[in-house]
Every structure is written in C-alpha cells, then in structure tokens.
C-alpha cells in the first residue's frame, strides 16, 4: 500500500498538458503507475500439484490442487459430450466458508448436485491474489487446465445401483514412486472405477510437500485426475510434523480418517488403526492419543454397521492398514478389543490390510477371534479386484503377473 500511495503522489504531481498527444501520454503514465504494484508483487501463478479427485459419491465430488501463490480458485463443470468446452457458459464452483469465497494455496472445490453414475468434464482455474488490503483485492494472472488443445479432465460419479465395481489397492510403498508406476501404470477409466491407497505410502511426513513427492504427484500423473482415490491412513502417515496437515489433502464426510462409502454392490468401511505402539512410547514424543481415537471410532463403527445402507448392501468390505491379527503389538491388540467384536457380528465379506510387508491370507474361522476372512497384502505387489456376482481378488506383481486368486460369494 505504501508503494501504491507513492505512485499516486507522483501521478498527481505530473504537469497538466493541453495537447492531444500529451494527454494521451499522461493517461498511459497514470495507467502505468496505477498498475506498477502488480509488476512488483506478482511472481506468476502456477498449479504446483494436482488436480485429483476426492470424496467421490453419487451426487458430489471434490477436486483438489495446489498453487505456488495465494489464489481465488474455481472449477467449471460440463456434461460429457463432443462439443467444445467453450460452447456454453459453464457453471462455476468455488470453495466457500461462512458466505465468502476462500483464497489460499490449497484449493478444495466440492461439486454438488451431480447425478449417479454420470460422466462429467471439468476445468480448474486459479486467479492469483497479488495483494489483499482491507476490502480491496488486487488480482494477477490466471493459471488453468488446458481445454483448448487437450481434452478436458473427466470423471464418473459413483452409482450404488451399479451391478459391478472394479478397484485397485496398493499399500506400504514408502515413497517408492517407481513401484507405484509399475504396479498400476495402466489404470484407466475403462478398467478401474476407483483406487484405494491402504496406508504407509510414505515413511514420514515432515511437511505436506512429501505427500506429493512421496506418492500423489505420481498418482495424479497415472490416474487421480479422472479416477477417484480413497485414502486409508497407515501408522507411518501419523509421524512427523506434516502429519497434522494430512487430512486437508484427503477430506472425508466424517471429518476423520475413518469413513464409509458405497460403490456399486459394495459397502466400504475405511478404518484407521492409528499407531502400532502404546501412546506412551518414547517414539511419539508425548503426542500420541490413539487409544481414545480408536474408542471414538468404535462408537462410529457401531452406528455404521447398524445403518440401512450397510445392512442392505450386497457386499461389505473393510479396509484397514493394520490387521486385527498376526502380531501382538499394542495397536493390533487395541483394534481386536474395540473393532473386531463389532465386525464379527456384521457379516463382513473380507478385510483388506497391509502393514506387515508380508502376504498372508487368513480364512474365516482360522483365527478364533475373527469371524471374517482377512487378506494382508505385502509391499511389493498389488490387488486387482472386481465385484459383481462374486468378489474376485487377484494379487499381481509389479509387472502384472498373477500371483494369487481369491473368490468370495455373497454373505447375504
């Protein structure tokens, strides 16, 4: 503001001329000085990460991306079609809070009022905020996705009435992006409805930038712009200063890392086992509070399994990073005490886990404390799953070779 005022003073002190050319020059100088702060402060707006799809449902989707500078951002949405994205004025969606549009470097735009099982096209925009003083905002340039020389991004909403759903699961990659590329590099909207990351995608989160360098930049390049990603937190994602900001990049309807959703005939429950050691362990530097977190989660789980949507679903699949078996560590024991009794009475078709870095399949009844099958995937392979008249789980290696097959018929 001080620089702006100085420029205004200079403009006022310019000599007043009477000739046409000098008047024109004066106008140009006035425009130059009035806009000079823009040249000083604007560093150029760029989309640094994303976009990617979150919170996909039948009637909504959330699109997330980041920019290098503060910006006002929005999404333009269009129905699927061969017409130009410029054929009509497209509706604009903003992130708002308490009646105001939000600005910042992280942009989370929720698209509501969508139709189930419907394809849409979208475009993202970010208009740089050069300065924001009192009620006055000075805008800079706009960064946006390209719909002129490239196809717009597309997605399809979920449909609980669909007879089939296909999805892929990876876990415990610990920032090995090359492995992620090898595993699911062929993922597209023809062969996959959604992707699940089942924890420990990084080893530590010292800052939120590691979310992207660790796995999300690769996910965006492979599929996440057009195929929804559902995130299941692992114990390693609870570690480091940046872990406190993780939720901002993977929001859910519950406001927690545990949540549920339905896609086709499957009702999914995403559980968060938290950390694997006692809260008092020296490794957590007095910051852990997972026992109480799991207790609250158990109350929520009781509510979910009694819901009509869960009860009426053809299949029920639970996703949790830490398995309720295979070890005697504190986290596992607490999960067994709090979650397993609820799930034992819920007709769960299968639980998918990671964490141990070793493949294990536990048949229903093999562990006397567990009344449902558990598949623990390792860190070098991935799961390709199709659900229609049955659940077919195919474990594949990084090169697509089939390692294991599992089949599950309907429980109800």
Protein backbone atom coordinates (compact mmCIF):
# COMPACT_ATOMS: atom_id res chain seq x y z
CA UNK A 1 0.00 0.00 0.00
CA UNK A 2 2.84 2.42 0.75
CA UNK A 3 4.31 1.86 -2.71
CA UNK A 4 0.89 2.41 -4.28
CA UNK A 5 0.43 5.70 -2.48
CA UNK A 6 3.83 6.93 -3.60
CA UNK A 7 2.91 6.22 -7.19
CA UNK A 8 -0.34 8.10 -6.78
CA UNK A 9 1.55 11.13 -5.45
CA UNK A 10 3.83 11.06 -8.46
CA UNK A 11 0.84 10.93 -10.76
CA UNK A 12 -0.74 13.93 -9.07
CA UNK A 13 2.45 15.93 -9.49
CA UNK A 14 2.67 15.33 -13.22
CA UNK A 15 2.32 18.56 -15.18
CA UNK A 16 -1.05 19.02 -16.87
CA UNK A 17 -0.70 19.22 -20.64
CA UNK A 18 -3.25 20.53 -23.12
CA UNK A 19 -2.24 18.89 -26.41
CA UNK A 20 -3.86 15.63 -27.52
CA UNK A 21 -0.56 13.71 -27.61
CA UNK A 22 0.49 14.88 -24.17
CA UNK A 23 -2.95 13.98 -22.75
CA UNK A 24 -2.62 10.52 -24.23
CA UNK A 25 0.88 10.16 -22.76
CA UNK A 26 -0.39 11.32 -19.36
CA UNK A 27 -3.14 8.66 -19.42
CA UNK A 28 -0.58 5.99 -20.26
CA UNK A 29 1.65 7.12 -17.40
CA UNK A 30 -1.27 7.09 -15.00
CA UNK A 31 -2.15 3.53 -16.02
CA UNK A 32 1.49 2.51 -15.69
CA UNK A 33 1.82 3.89 -12.17
CA UNK A 34 -1.54 2.52 -11.03
CA UNK A 35 -0.60 -0.97 -12.17
CA UNK A 36 3.04 -0.81 -11.10
CA UNK A 37 2.39 -2.69 -7.81
CA UNK A 38 1.16 -5.64 -9.87
CA UNK A 39 4.51 -5.81 -11.66
CA UNK A 40 6.38 -5.58 -8.35
CA UNK A 41 4.49 -8.20 -6.36
CA UNK A 42 3.21 -10.73 -8.91
CA UNK A 43 5.59 -13.66 -9.17
CA UNK A 44 3.43 -15.61 -11.62
CA UNK A 45 0.77 -18.12 -10.62
CA UNK A 46 1.34 -21.83 -11.23
CA UNK A 47 -0.57 -25.02 -10.45
CA UNK A 48 2.03 -26.96 -8.48
CA UNK A 49 0.20 -30.22 -7.67
CA UNK A 50 -2.98 -31.91 -8.83
CA UNK A 51 -5.77 -31.81 -9.61
CA UNK A 52 -7.06 -35.04 -8.10
CA UNK A 53 -10.47 -36.42 -7.14
CA UNK A 54 -11.64 -36.93 -3.56
CA UNK A 55 -14.92 -37.61 -1.75
CA UNK A 56 -16.48 -39.11 -4.85
CA UNK A 57 -20.09 -40.07 -4.31
CA UNK A 58 -23.30 -40.40 -6.25
CA UNK A 59 -24.12 -36.70 -6.06
CA UNK A 60 -20.81 -35.00 -5.38
CA UNK A 61 -17.07 -34.91 -5.96
CA UNK A 62 -14.25 -32.82 -4.54
CA UNK A 63 -11.38 -31.62 -6.73
CA UNK A 64 -8.11 -30.66 -5.04
CA UNK A 65 -4.99 -28.90 -6.28
CA UNK A 66 -2.32 -26.50 -5.04
CA UNK A 67 -0.73 -23.32 -6.36
CA UNK A 68 2.57 -21.61 -5.62
CA UNK A 69 0.86 -18.35 -4.58
CA UNK A 70 -2.41 -17.44 -2.92
CA UNK A 71 -5.28 -17.54 -5.36
CA UNK A 72 -9.03 -17.44 -5.77
CA UNK A 73 -9.91 -20.74 -7.44
CA UNK A 74 -12.89 -22.35 -9.07
CA UNK A 75 -13.97 -25.33 -11.16
CA UNK A 76 -16.04 -25.16 -14.32
CA UNK A 77 -18.17 -28.25 -14.96
CA UNK A 78 -19.74 -29.58 -18.13
CA UNK A 79 -21.67 -32.73 -19.04
CA UNK A 80 -19.85 -35.31 -21.09
CA UNK A 81 -20.05 -34.64 -24.82
CA UNK A 82 -18.18 -33.95 -28.01
CA UNK A 83 -18.99 -30.25 -28.06
CA UNK A 84 -16.33 -27.70 -27.22
CA UNK A 85 -15.91 -26.81 -23.57
CA UNK A 86 -16.34 -23.23 -24.82
CA UNK A 87 -19.75 -23.97 -26.36
CA UNK A 88 -21.61 -22.60 -23.34
CA UNK A 89 -21.03 -20.61 -20.20
CA UNK A 90 -20.22 -23.40 -17.73
CA UNK A 91 -21.33 -23.31 -14.09
CA UNK A 92 -18.60 -22.27 -11.66
CA UNK A 93 -17.99 -23.89 -8.28
CA UNK A 94 -15.96 -22.23 -5.50
CA UNK A 95 -14.72 -23.25 -2.08
CA UNK A 96 -16.61 -21.09 0.39
CA UNK A 97 -16.73 -20.61 4.14
CA UNK A 98 -19.34 -18.61 6.06
CA UNK A 99 -20.56 -16.83 2.95
CA UNK A 100 -17.18 -15.90 1.47
CA UNK A 101 -15.05 -17.47 -1.24
CA UNK A 102 -11.82 -18.86 0.18
CA UNK A 103 -8.37 -17.94 -1.02
CA UNK A 104 -5.08 -19.71 -0.39
CA UNK A 105 -2.58 -22.12 -1.90
CA UNK A 106 -4.62 -25.29 -1.25
CA UNK A 107 -7.83 -25.47 -3.24
CA UNK A 108 -10.62 -27.96 -2.41
CA UNK A 109 -13.69 -27.43 -4.55
CA UNK A 110 -16.77 -29.53 -3.83
CA UNK A 111 -19.11 -30.16 -6.76
CA UNK A 112 -22.62 -30.90 -5.52
CA UNK A 113 -25.94 -31.68 -7.17
CA UNK A 114 -24.45 -34.31 -9.51
CA UNK A 115 -26.23 -37.36 -10.88
CA UNK A 116 -25.32 -41.00 -10.00
CA UNK A 117 -23.20 -42.95 -12.48
CA UNK A 118 -22.83 -39.90 -14.71
CA UNK A 119 -19.79 -38.67 -16.61
CA UNK A 120 -18.67 -35.06 -16.43
CA UNK A 121 -15.91 -32.86 -17.82
CA UNK A 122 -14.16 -30.24 -15.71
CA UNK A 123 -11.62 -27.45 -15.82
CA UNK A 124 -9.76 -25.77 -12.94
CA UNK A 125 -8.84 -22.09 -12.55
CA UNK A 126 -6.69 -20.16 -10.05
CA UNK A 127 -6.54 -16.35 -10.12
CA UNK A 128 -3.52 -15.00 -8.26
CA UNK A 129 -4.02 -12.73 -5.27
CA UNK A 130 -1.32 -10.08 -5.63
CA UNK A 131 -2.39 -8.05 -2.61
CA UNK A 132 -5.29 -8.06 -0.16
CA UNK A 133 -5.54 -4.91 1.95
CA UNK A 134 -8.72 -4.10 3.87
CA UNK A 135 -11.58 -4.81 1.45
CA UNK A 136 -9.54 -4.31 -1.71
CA UNK A 137 -8.08 -7.26 -3.63
CA UNK A 138 -5.59 -6.84 -6.44
CA UNK A 139 -5.58 -9.83 -8.80
CA UNK A 140 -2.80 -11.09 -11.02
CA UNK A 141 -2.70 -13.71 -13.72
CA UNK A 142 -4.79 -16.88 -14.02
CA UNK A 143 -3.50 -20.45 -14.18
CA UNK A 144 -5.87 -23.08 -15.55
CA UNK A 145 -6.05 -26.52 -17.07
CA UNK A 146 -5.99 -26.63 -20.85
CA UNK A 147 -9.22 -27.42 -22.67
CA UNK A 148 -8.28 -25.68 -25.91
CA UNK A 149 -5.69 -28.08 -27.33
CA UNK A 150 -6.33 -31.00 -24.94
CA UNK A 151 -9.37 -32.92 -23.76
CA UNK A 152 -10.87 -31.64 -20.51
CA UNK A 153 -10.45 -33.84 -17.46
CA UNK A 154 -13.31 -36.27 -16.95
CA UNK A 155 -14.79 -38.33 -14.14
CA UNK A 156 -17.77 -40.55 -13.43
CA UNK A 157 -19.77 -40.38 -10.22
CA UNK A 158 -20.41 -43.50 -8.18
CA UNK A 159 -23.66 -45.44 -8.50
CA UNK A 160 -24.92 -47.66 -5.69
CA UNK A 161 -27.27 -49.39 -8.14
CA UNK A 162 -24.46 -50.46 -10.48
CA UNK A 163 -24.14 -54.24 -10.70
CA UNK A 164 -20.34 -54.16 -10.81
CA UNK A 165 -17.41 -52.24 -9.39
CA UNK A 166 -13.69 -52.66 -10.10
CA UNK A 167 -10.92 -51.23 -7.95
CA UNK A 168 -7.22 -51.48 -7.20
CA UNK A 169 -5.41 -51.49 -3.85
CA UNK A 170 -1.77 -50.70 -3.07
CA UNK A 171 -0.07 -50.28 0.29
CA UNK A 172 3.26 -49.83 2.09
CA UNK A 173 5.14 -48.25 -0.80
CA UNK A 174 7.04 -45.81 1.44
CA UNK A 175 7.61 -43.24 -1.34
CA UNK A 176 8.78 -45.77 -3.92
CA UNK A 177 7.18 -43.99 -6.84
CA UNK A 178 8.72 -46.23 -9.45
CA UNK A 179 7.00 -49.23 -7.88
CA UNK A 180 3.69 -47.40 -7.97
CA UNK A 181 4.18 -46.70 -11.67
CA UNK A 182 4.94 -50.34 -12.38
CA UNK A 183 2.01 -51.61 -10.35
CA UNK A 184 -0.84 -49.50 -11.65
CA UNK A 185 0.59 -47.64 -14.61
CA UNK A 186 -2.15 -49.00 -16.88
CA UNK A 187 -5.00 -47.74 -14.69
CA UNK A 188 -7.73 -46.03 -16.70
CA UNK A 189 -11.47 -45.38 -16.55
CA UNK A 190 -12.19 -48.46 -18.65
CA UNK A 191 -10.62 -50.93 -16.22
CA UNK A 192 -10.91 -49.18 -12.84
CA UNK A 193 -13.70 -47.35 -11.02
CA UNK A 194 -11.64 -46.31 -8.02
CA UNK A 195 -8.24 -46.78 -6.36
CA UNK A 196 -7.51 -47.32 -2.67
CA UNK A 197 -4.18 -46.45 -1.04
CA UNK A 198 -4.11 -48.62 2.08
CA UNK A 199 -1.54 -46.83 4.20
CA UNK A 200 2.18 -46.20 4.60
CA UNK A 201 2.54 -44.56 1.23
CA UNK A 202 5.32 -42.55 2.91
CA UNK A 203 7.62 -43.33 5.83
CA UNK A 204 7.44 -39.89 7.44
CA UNK A 205 5.64 -36.60 6.85
CA UNK A 206 7.98 -33.81 7.88
CA UNK A 207 5.97 -31.45 5.71
CA UNK A 208 2.93 -31.75 3.48
CA UNK A 209 5.06 -31.42 0.34
CA UNK A 210 6.07 -35.04 0.98
CA UNK A 211 2.50 -36.08 0.25
CA UNK A 212 3.15 -35.14 -3.35
CA UNK A 213 6.79 -36.10 -3.77
CA UNK A 214 6.10 -39.34 -1.91
CA UNK A 215 3.17 -40.61 -3.99
CA UNK A 216 0.49 -38.12 -5.03
CA UNK A 217 2.35 -36.49 -7.94
CA UNK A 218 2.75 -39.97 -9.39
CA UNK A 219 -0.89 -40.81 -8.67
CA UNK A 220 -2.02 -37.65 -10.44
CA UNK A 221 0.12 -38.45 -13.46
CA UNK A 222 -1.23 -42.01 -13.61
CA UNK A 223 -4.93 -41.75 -12.80
CA UNK A 224 -6.06 -39.43 -9.98
CA UNK A 225 -7.23 -36.55 -12.20
CA UNK A 226 -10.00 -38.77 -13.56
CA UNK A 227 -10.37 -41.77 -11.22
CA UNK A 228 -11.30 -41.23 -7.56
CA UNK A 229 -8.74 -42.08 -4.91
CA UNK A 230 -9.81 -43.26 -1.45
CA UNK A 231 -7.15 -42.94 1.22
CA UNK A 232 -6.68 -45.22 4.23
CA UNK A 233 -4.15 -43.81 6.69
CA UNK A 234 -1.29 -46.02 7.82
CA UNK A 235 0.72 -45.71 11.01
CA UNK A 236 3.65 -44.07 9.19
CA UNK A 237 1.39 -41.26 7.96
CA UNK A 238 0.81 -40.31 11.60
CA UNK A 239 4.50 -39.46 12.04
CA UNK A 240 6.27 -36.14 11.50
CA UNK A 241 5.25 -32.50 11.80
CA UNK A 242 3.47 -32.58 8.44
CA UNK A 243 1.13 -35.36 9.58
CA UNK A 244 -1.11 -32.77 11.27
CA UNK A 245 -1.95 -31.35 7.84
CA UNK A 246 -2.56 -34.67 6.08
CA UNK A 247 -6.34 -34.56 6.44
CA UNK A 248 -6.54 -31.28 4.50
CA UNK A 249 -5.46 -33.18 1.39
CA UNK A 250 -7.75 -36.20 1.94
CA UNK A 251 -11.01 -34.85 3.39
CA UNK A 252 -13.89 -37.16 4.27
CA UNK A 253 -17.57 -36.85 5.13
CA UNK A 254 -16.87 -37.71 8.77
CA UNK A 255 -14.07 -35.21 9.27
CA UNK A 256 -11.88 -38.17 10.32
CA UNK A 257 -9.63 -40.70 8.61
CA UNK A 258 -12.32 -43.34 9.16
CA UNK A 259 -15.35 -43.16 6.91
CA UNK A 260 -17.61 -45.22 4.66
CA UNK A 261 -18.97 -45.11 1.13
CA UNK A 262 -20.80 -47.33 -1.31
CA UNK A 263 -19.81 -48.08 -4.90
CA UNK A 264 -22.00 -50.46 -6.88
CA UNK A 265 -22.84 -53.54 -4.81
CA UNK A 266 -20.08 -52.90 -2.23
CA UNK A 267 -20.36 -51.01 1.03
CA UNK A 268 -16.83 -49.96 2.02
CA UNK A 269 -15.73 -49.20 5.57
CA UNK A 270 -12.37 -47.45 5.86
CA UNK A 271 -10.94 -47.86 9.36
CA UNK A 272 -7.92 -46.16 10.89
CA UNK A 273 -5.88 -48.35 13.24
CA UNK A 274 -3.66 -45.42 14.23
CA UNK A 275 -0.21 -46.21 15.58
CA UNK A 276 1.06 -49.67 16.45
CA UNK A 277 2.81 -48.94 19.77
CA UNK A 278 1.39 -47.69 23.09
CA UNK A 279 0.64 -43.96 23.23
CA UNK A 280 3.33 -43.56 25.87
CA UNK A 281 6.09 -44.96 23.63
CA UNK A 282 9.14 -42.69 23.50
CA UNK A 283 8.99 -42.65 19.70
CA UNK A 284 5.85 -40.50 19.79
CA UNK A 285 7.33 -37.72 21.96
CA UNK A 286 4.18 -37.48 24.13
CA UNK A 287 1.99 -36.55 21.14
CA UNK A 288 0.11 -39.84 20.59
CA UNK A 289 -3.53 -40.16 21.66
CA UNK A 290 -4.65 -43.16 19.63
CA UNK A 291 -6.33 -45.26 22.31
CA UNK A 292 -9.07 -42.66 22.75
CA UNK A 293 -9.20 -42.13 18.99
CA UNK A 294 -9.90 -45.84 18.45
CA UNK A 295 -12.56 -45.79 21.17
CA UNK A 296 -14.39 -42.94 19.42
CA UNK A 297 -14.01 -44.77 16.14
CA UNK A 298 -15.59 -47.90 17.61
CA UNK A 299 -18.69 -45.89 18.56
CA UNK A 300 -18.91 -44.61 14.99
CA UNK A 301 -18.44 -48.16 13.65
CA UNK A 302 -21.37 -49.41 15.73
CA UNK A 303 -23.56 -46.77 14.11
CA UNK A 304 -22.39 -47.56 10.58
CA UNK A 305 -22.96 -51.34 10.71
CA UNK A 306 -26.50 -50.75 12.00
CA UNK A 307 -27.36 -48.37 9.14
CA UNK A 308 -29.85 -49.38 6.45
CA UNK A 309 -27.31 -48.76 3.68
CA UNK A 310 -24.84 -51.19 5.24
CA UNK A 311 -27.48 -53.78 6.04
CA UNK A 312 -28.91 -53.73 2.52
CA UNK A 313 -25.60 -53.82 0.63
CA UNK A 314 -24.79 -56.98 -1.30
CA UNK A 315 -21.16 -56.95 -0.14
CA UNK A 316 -19.29 -55.43 2.79
CA UNK A 317 -15.55 -54.85 2.50
CA UNK A 318 -13.42 -53.35 5.27
CA UNK A 319 -10.17 -51.53 4.52
CA UNK A 320 -7.67 -51.03 7.35
CA UNK A 321 -3.90 -50.70 7.26
CA UNK A 322 -3.12 -52.54 10.49
CA UNK A 323 -4.66 -56.05 10.53
CA UNK A 324 -6.51 -57.28 13.63
CA UNK A 325 -4.29 -60.34 13.75
CA UNK A 326 -0.78 -61.62 13.00
CA UNK A 327 1.02 -59.58 15.71
CA UNK A 328 0.76 -58.95 19.45
CA UNK A 329 1.73 -55.27 19.27
CA UNK A 330 -0.39 -52.79 21.21
CA UNK A 331 -2.11 -51.24 18.18
CA UNK A 332 -3.26 -54.62 16.92
CA UNK A 333 -4.47 -55.69 20.37
CA UNK A 334 -6.45 -52.46 20.78
CA UNK A 335 -8.05 -52.93 17.35
CA UNK A 336 -9.00 -56.51 18.33
CA UNK A 337 -10.59 -55.28 21.57
CA UNK A 338 -12.53 -52.41 20.03
CA UNK A 339 -13.26 -53.16 16.36
CA UNK A 340 -13.28 -56.92 15.97
CA UNK A 341 -16.32 -57.70 18.16
CA UNK A 342 -18.39 -55.23 16.14
CA UNK A 343 -17.20 -56.58 12.79
CA UNK A 344 -17.66 -60.20 13.88
CA UNK A 345 -21.42 -59.59 14.00
CA UNK A 346 -21.59 -57.57 10.78
CA UNK A 347 -21.28 -60.25 8.05
CA UNK A 348 -18.08 -58.79 6.64
CA UNK A 349 -17.12 -60.44 3.33
CA UNK A 350 -13.42 -59.64 3.56
CA UNK A 351 -11.00 -57.24 5.22
CA UNK A 352 -8.03 -55.90 3.24
CA UNK A 353 -4.92 -54.89 5.20
CA UNK A 354 -1.21 -54.16 4.84
CA UNK A 355 1.39 -53.12 7.41
CA UNK A 356 3.32 -56.40 7.86
CA UNK A 357 5.02 -56.27 4.41
CA UNK A 358 4.21 -59.97 4.06
CA UNK A 359 1.36 -61.59 2.17
CA UNK A 360 -0.98 -63.55 4.42
CA UNK A 361 -4.48 -64.88 3.87
CA UNK A 362 -6.47 -65.86 6.93
CA UNK A 363 -9.61 -67.87 6.27
CA UNK A 364 -12.78 -67.14 8.17
CA UNK A 365 -12.53 -69.03 11.47
CA UNK A 366 -8.80 -69.70 11.14
CA UNK A 367 -8.19 -67.11 13.84
CA UNK A 368 -10.71 -67.91 16.59
CA UNK A 369 -11.01 -64.22 17.48
CA UNK A 370 -12.02 -63.18 13.95
CA UNK A 371 -15.22 -64.16 12.15
CA UNK A 372 -14.32 -62.96 8.64
CA UNK A 373 -11.51 -63.53 6.12
CA UNK A 374 -8.50 -61.20 6.14
CA UNK A 375 -6.16 -60.63 3.22
CA UNK A 376 -2.91 -58.90 4.19
CA UNK A 377 -1.16 -57.62 1.10
CA UNK A 378 2.61 -57.15 1.00
CA UNK A 379 4.61 -54.13 -0.14
CA UNK A 380 5.84 -55.46 -3.48
CA UNK A 381 2.51 -56.45 -5.03
CA UNK A 382 -0.99 -55.03 -5.53
CA UNK A 383 -4.60 -56.15 -5.63
CA UNK A 384 -6.85 -56.04 -8.69
CA UNK A 385 -10.45 -56.54 -7.54
CA UNK A 386 -13.74 -56.98 -9.40
CA UNK A 387 -17.07 -57.36 -7.62
CA UNK A 388 -20.28 -58.42 -9.38
CA UNK A 389 -21.87 -61.83 -8.72
CA UNK A 390 -18.87 -62.56 -6.51
CA UNK A 391 -15.73 -60.87 -5.16
CA UNK A 392 -12.65 -61.71 -7.22
CA UNK A 393 -9.34 -60.58 -5.75
CA UNK A 394 -6.26 -61.06 -7.90
CA UNK A 395 -2.87 -60.34 -6.39
CA UNK A 396 -0.41 -59.23 -9.06
CA UNK A 397 3.26 -58.37 -9.04
CA UNK A 398 4.71 -55.12 -10.32
CA UNK A 399 4.72 -56.44 -13.88
CA UNK A 400 1.12 -57.64 -13.93
CA UNK A 401 1.75 -61.36 -13.44
CA UNK A 402 -0.92 -63.12 -11.38
CA UNK A 403 0.31 -64.44 -8.04
CA UNK A 404 -2.84 -65.36 -6.10
CA UNK A 405 -6.60 -65.62 -6.70
CA UNK A 406 -9.33 -65.35 -4.07
CA UNK A 407 -13.06 -65.69 -4.60
CA UNK A 408 -15.86 -64.80 -2.17
CA UNK A 409 -19.57 -65.38 -2.67
CA UNK A 410 -22.30 -63.22 -1.20
CA UNK A 411 -22.78 -63.42 2.55
CA UNK A 412 -26.45 -62.48 2.30
